[in-house]
Amino acid sequence: GQKINAGGIIVRQHGTTFAAGRGVGLGSDYTIYATITGRVKFDHASRTKKRVNVVASPDA
């Protein structure tokens, strides 16, 4: 995935279209942001929702 620094905004959304996974935080306006520096990865939280994760990597 793409490199991101801690505090960087990953997704701006209305409601929870994307769920927050590991290494990310959920703002009061449902914005998903990185809490650690790493690479962004998406996976499926359920059949209808995707989950956003940030995985720490040495080259990020």
Protein backbone atom coordinates (compact mmCIF):
# COMPACT_ATOMS: atom_id res chain seq x y z
CA GLY A 1 0.00 0.00 0.00
CA GLN A 2 0.85 3.67 0.00
CA LYS A 3 3.21 5.17 2.59
CA ILE A 4 1.64 7.41 5.24
CA ASN A 5 2.94 9.35 8.23
CA ALA A 6 1.30 9.38 11.66
CA GLY A 7 -1.55 11.91 11.68
CA GLY A 8 -2.15 11.71 7.93
CA ILE A 9 -5.75 11.54 6.73
CA ILE A 10 -6.58 8.32 4.89
CA VAL A 11 -10.36 8.59 4.29
CA ARG A 12 -12.90 11.38 4.71
CA GLN A 13 -16.39 9.91 4.86
CA HIS A 14 -20.00 10.48 5.90
CA GLY A 15 -20.85 7.64 8.25
CA THR A 16 -18.71 4.54 8.64
CA THR A 17 -18.38 3.28 5.06
CA PHE A 18 -14.85 2.20 5.99
CA ALA A 19 -14.18 0.67 9.41
CA ALA A 20 -11.11 1.60 11.47
CA GLY A 21 -8.60 -1.22 11.92
CA ARG A 22 -5.12 -1.42 13.46
CA GLY A 23 -2.89 1.64 13.41
CA VAL A 24 -5.69 4.08 12.60
CA GLY A 25 -8.04 6.36 14.52
CA LEU A 26 -11.61 7.48 13.87
CA GLY A 27 -12.36 11.21 14.21
CA SER A 28 -15.63 12.73 15.41
CA ASP A 29 -16.61 13.42 11.77
CA TYR A 30 -15.78 9.76 10.82
CA THR A 31 -12.45 10.73 9.24
CA ILE A 32 -9.96 7.86 9.37
CA TYR A 33 -6.38 8.92 10.10
CA ALA A 34 -3.08 7.12 10.71
CA THR A 35 -1.84 6.83 14.30
CA ILE A 36 1.49 5.26 13.25
CA THR A 37 3.83 5.67 10.28
CA GLY A 38 3.60 2.80 7.83
CA ARG A 39 1.74 1.50 4.79
CA VAL A 40 -2.03 1.57 4.22
CA LYS A 41 -3.75 -1.80 3.78
CA PHE A 42 -7.42 -2.50 3.12
CA ASP A 43 -9.29 -5.71 3.96
CA HIS A 44 -12.90 -6.77 4.41
CA ALA A 45 -14.47 -6.25 7.84
CA SER A 46 -17.73 -7.82 6.61
CA ARG A 47 -19.50 -8.44 3.33
CA THR A 48 -20.45 -4.77 2.99
CA LYS A 49 -17.68 -2.90 4.84
CA LYS A 50 -13.98 -2.50 4.18
CA ARG A 51 -11.50 -2.03 7.00
CA VAL A 52 -8.49 0.32 6.82
CA ASN A 53 -5.24 -0.67 8.56
CA VAL A 54 -1.79 0.90 8.78
CA VAL A 55 1.01 -1.65 9.00
CA ALA A 56 4.38 -0.47 10.32
CA SER A 57 7.15 -1.06 7.80
CA PRO A 58 10.86 -0.22 7.95
CA ASP A 59 10.87 1.61 4.58
CA ALA A 60 7.89 3.87 5.39
